Amino acid sequence: MEIRDVLAALGPLVPLYTDSDVLEIMVDAPDSVYVERYGKLEKTQVQFESPDVLRAVINALLGLAGIVLLPEHPIGEMRFPDDARLLAVIPPTALNGPTLFIRKSAPKMMTWERLFEHGAVTPEVHDFLQTAINARVNILVAGGPSSGKTTIANMLAEMIPADQRLIVVEETHELCFDHPHCVWLEGGGPAALSLTTLLATAARMRPDWLVVGELCGVETMRALQVMSTGYNAITTIHATSPEDALSRLETFCLMANLGLGLAEIRRLIASAPQLITYQERLPNGTRKMMQLLEVVGLESDLRYNLKPLFRFDADKGSLERTGEPPSWDPG
């Protein structure tokens, strides 16, 4: 499969797919096609002649990966050669008719300069994050859906010096960044390996850094164990606040059912991620980093000791230092 094959199969979606400002394409119905552009949803003028024509486009695209949708197998996913991802659902699961979702690979069009222009972060935050990477600080990138977690994780990975070896571990390939010394492991495909297995494998491959896709289940316990035993790591998690991120880590560890109590799990978490970045997608569609906190350890009552390092200032519209120094040398 080549990208020209994808373009030939996209039909009326080609102009949207080739528009560099479009991140996502959502086909809800033949006459209802939306895109996300600059963080906002827009209804387009693109239409399909009928549900059958939309279904034909879906069949042509999935056919490139050898996937055939049937009523008993109504959901299909694939990855394009340029790392865009497609998800399609047909009846009877899709009650309103065939539907299609495409998420393009945004990181390739993102730079720190563009993040500065959009107000997502400031040059001062960039420089601070570089000191954290240089100090080999474990980083947990937290935020809600479409808040920019993957973008920040990509940008952090590109900060890692070129002479250090990265192993990337994901269930489904989403991360996309440039680094000269990098190995990519994915749990999908015929082998269907778990992230827990991949993490154990990656730890034996002499990584300087592990870059782990979203933590969302029992693999969290293994990831935290790896981070707490001297491996450097960057990973992401869905959360509504930094505190919620830590709470979700606890929940995922309990799901592993290894017989550990909450106190033991909290001690493990407190020794793993050292820095939490938290970002949000605001009502106007913009994405901003809202907080940077250091996980210092646990209080005597087993509450997490969180040191705020940067906090979003609504009046200034940017992330500002709190005045608290990190435990590592910020340079």
Foldseek 3Di string as FASTA:
>chain_A
DAVVLLLVLQPQCNVVVPPLQWFKWKFLAQQFIWTQGQQDIDTDRHGDPHLVRVVSSVCSNVVVVPDDADQVRFWDWDAHPQRKIKIWGAPPVSVVGIIIMIGGQNLVVDDVVVCCVLQQAHVVVVLLLLLCLVVLAAEEEEEAPPQCSLNVLQHSVVSHDQVFAEEEEEQRDRHDHDHNHYHYDYCDDPNNHDSLVVLVVVLVVPGQEYEYEEDQALSLVSLLVSQLPDHRYYYYYYAHDPVRRLVRSLVRNVRNVPPDDSLVSLQSNLRGHQKYWYWYQDPVSRIHTAWIWGFNGADPVRHTDIHTQWGQDPVVSHIDGPPDDGPDDSD
